[in-house]
Amino acid sequence: MATRKFAIAKQLGGKRVITNKGEEIGRLSDIQFDEHTGVLETFLVEPAEESKTAKNLPRTEDDFVAIPFKAVFAVSDVIVVDETLLK
């Protein structure tokens, strides 16, 4: 039986978000989820100024980069997102 690891959302705040190619997008600021189902929808990331990827991603009214949860590949010391799923 596979074991599942869970991270407490509070522990994720401020973690670096990078692509699977190693480019830093920014730091996690908040997480959006569906209130009825509890399904994670979007990671809101404070963009790194030098990130080319962040410049091409959708922004919120507060200027956060919106990363769909389906693009999240791994969460550990950093959050890794699959670059091909960001477009």
C-alpha atoms as a PDB file:
ATOM      1  CA  MET A   1       0.000   0.000   0.000  1.00  0.00           C
ATOM      2  CA  ALA A   2       1.377   3.412  -0.970  1.00  0.00           C
ATOM      3  CA  THR A   3       1.889   5.924   1.786  1.00  0.00           C
ATOM      4  CA  ARG A   4       0.621   9.444   1.381  1.00  0.00           C
ATOM      5  CA  LYS A   5       2.333  12.509   2.761  1.00  0.00           C
ATOM      6  CA  PHE A   6       0.434  15.604   3.712  1.00  0.00           C
ATOM      7  CA  ALA A   7       1.711  19.130   4.177  1.00  0.00           C
ATOM      8  CA  ILE A   8      -0.028  21.651   6.344  1.00  0.00           C
ATOM      9  CA  ALA A   9      -0.880  24.705   4.227  1.00  0.00           C
ATOM     10  CA  LYS A  10       0.618  27.025   6.833  1.00  0.00           C
ATOM     11  CA  GLN A  11       3.992  25.322   6.347  1.00  0.00           C
ATOM     12  CA  LEU A  12       3.889  25.971   2.593  1.00  0.00           C
ATOM     13  CA  GLY A  13       3.680  29.765   2.787  1.00  0.00           C
ATOM     14  CA  GLY A  14       6.838  31.483   1.607  1.00  0.00           C
ATOM     15  CA  LYS A  15       8.292  28.389  -0.066  1.00  0.00           C
ATOM     16  CA  ARG A  16      10.139  28.943  -3.337  1.00  0.00           C
ATOM     17  CA  VAL A  17       8.248  27.877  -6.447  1.00  0.00           C
ATOM     18  CA  ILE A  18      10.426  26.630  -9.295  1.00  0.00           C
ATOM     19  CA  THR A  19       9.822  24.976 -12.661  1.00  0.00           C
ATOM     20  CA  ASN A  20      10.941  21.446 -13.433  1.00  0.00           C
ATOM     21  CA  LYS A  21      13.721  23.104 -15.471  1.00  0.00           C
ATOM     22  CA  GLY A  22      15.012  24.937 -12.389  1.00  0.00           C
ATOM     23  CA  GLU A  23      13.767  28.481 -13.004  1.00  0.00           C
ATOM     24  CA  GLU A  24      12.456  30.252  -9.919  1.00  0.00           C
ATOM     25  CA  ILE A  25       8.968  31.670 -10.433  1.00  0.00           C
ATOM     26  CA  GLY A  26       8.622  33.227  -6.986  1.00  0.00           C
ATOM     27  CA  ARG A  27       7.375  32.424  -3.477  1.00  0.00           C
ATOM     28  CA  LEU A  28       4.049  30.904  -2.491  1.00  0.00           C
ATOM     29  CA  SER A  29       1.740  33.472  -0.962  1.00  0.00           C
ATOM     30  CA  ASP A  30      -1.666  31.773  -0.803  1.00  0.00           C
ATOM     31  CA  ILE A  31      -3.670  28.760  -1.953  1.00  0.00           C
ATOM     32  CA  GLN A  32      -7.154  28.843  -3.489  1.00  0.00           C
ATOM     33  CA  PHE A  33      -9.515  25.893  -3.194  1.00  0.00           C
ATOM     34  CA  ASP A  34     -13.142  25.075  -3.922  1.00  0.00           C
ATOM     35  CA  GLU A  35     -15.033  25.705  -0.697  1.00  0.00           C
ATOM     36  CA  HIS A  36     -17.641  23.030  -1.438  1.00  0.00           C
ATOM     37  CA  THR A  37     -15.384  20.168  -2.483  1.00  0.00           C
ATOM     38  CA  GLY A  38     -12.093  21.096  -0.808  1.00  0.00           C
ATOM     39  CA  VAL A  39     -10.258  20.566  -4.090  1.00  0.00           C
ATOM     40  CA  LEU A  40      -7.099  22.650  -4.473  1.00  0.00           C
ATOM     41  CA  GLU A  41      -7.361  24.927  -7.505  1.00  0.00           C
ATOM     42  CA  THR A  42      -4.621  27.542  -7.641  1.00  0.00           C
ATOM     43  CA  PHE A  43      -1.348  28.486  -5.976  1.00  0.00           C
ATOM     44  CA  LEU A  44      -0.885  32.256  -5.770  1.00  0.00           C
ATOM     45  CA  VAL A  45       2.774  33.144  -6.084  1.00  0.00           C
ATOM     46  CA  GLU A  46       4.570  36.414  -5.446  1.00  0.00           C
ATOM     47  CA  PRO A  47       6.622  36.572  -8.650  1.00  0.00           C
ATOM     48  CA  ALA A  48      10.400  36.854  -8.737  1.00  0.00           C
ATOM     49  CA  GLU A  49      11.321  39.998 -10.676  1.00  0.00           C
ATOM     50  CA  GLU A  50      13.850  38.215 -12.892  1.00  0.00           C
ATOM     51  CA  SER A  51      11.572  35.271 -13.786  1.00  0.00           C
ATOM     52  CA  LYS A  52      10.808  35.079 -17.506  1.00  0.00           C
ATOM     53  CA  THR A  53       8.191  32.398 -16.853  1.00  0.00           C
ATOM     54  CA  ALA A  54       6.369  34.506 -14.250  1.00  0.00           C
ATOM     55  CA  LYS A  55       6.116  37.401 -16.709  1.00  0.00           C
ATOM     56  CA  ASN A  56       4.124  35.208 -19.100  1.00  0.00           C
ATOM     57  CA  LEU A  57       1.658  33.754 -16.595  1.00  0.00           C
ATOM     58  CA  PRO A  58      -1.805  35.089 -15.656  1.00  0.00           C
ATOM     59  CA  ARG A  59      -1.915  37.544 -12.752  1.00  0.00           C
ATOM     60  CA  THR A  60      -4.518  38.267 -10.108  1.00  0.00           C
ATOM     61  CA  GLU A  61      -5.758  41.748  -9.217  1.00  0.00           C
ATOM     62  CA  ASP A  62      -3.124  41.764  -6.449  1.00  0.00           C
ATOM     63  CA  ASP A  63      -0.381  40.983  -9.020  1.00  0.00           C
ATOM     64  CA  PHE A  64       0.207  37.422  -7.857  1.00  0.00           C
ATOM     65  CA  VAL A  65       1.014  34.761 -10.449  1.00  0.00           C
ATOM     66  CA  ALA A  66      -1.792  32.189 -10.658  1.00  0.00           C
ATOM     67  CA  ILE A  67      -0.450  28.638 -10.956  1.00  0.00           C
ATOM     68  CA  PRO A  68      -3.011  25.873 -11.496  1.00  0.00           C
ATOM     69  CA  PHE A  69      -2.700  23.089  -8.951  1.00  0.00           C
ATOM     70  CA  LYS A  70      -2.591  20.507 -11.757  1.00  0.00           C
ATOM     71  CA  ALA A  71       0.874  21.889 -12.613  1.00  0.00           C
ATOM     72  CA  VAL A  72       2.294  21.164  -9.141  1.00  0.00           C
ATOM     73  CA  PHE A  73       4.730  18.297  -9.537  1.00  0.00           C
ATOM     74  CA  ALA A  74       6.301  18.027  -6.070  1.00  0.00           C
ATOM     75  CA  VAL A  75       6.339  19.749  -2.682  1.00  0.00           C
ATOM     76  CA  SER A  76       9.295  19.510  -0.331  1.00  0.00           C
ATOM     77  CA  ASP A  77      11.852  22.206   0.497  1.00  0.00           C
ATOM     78  CA  VAL A  78      10.619  23.888  -2.691  1.00  0.00           C
ATOM     79  CA  ILE A  79       7.460  23.587  -4.771  1.00  0.00           C
ATOM     80  CA  VAL A  80       8.157  22.229  -8.242  1.00  0.00           C
ATOM     81  CA  VAL A  81       5.744  22.876 -11.101  1.00  0.00           C
ATOM     82  CA  ASP A  82       5.658  21.271 -14.542  1.00  0.00           C
ATOM     83  CA  GLU A  83       6.442  24.041 -16.990  1.00  0.00           C
ATOM     84  CA  THR A  84       4.411  22.393 -19.776  1.00  0.00           C
ATOM     85  CA  LEU A  85       1.218  22.585 -17.681  1.00  0.00           C
ATOM     86  CA  LEU A  86       1.512  26.322 -17.028  1.00  0.00           C
ATOM     87  CA  LYS A  87       0.365  27.459 -20.456  1.00  0.00           C
END
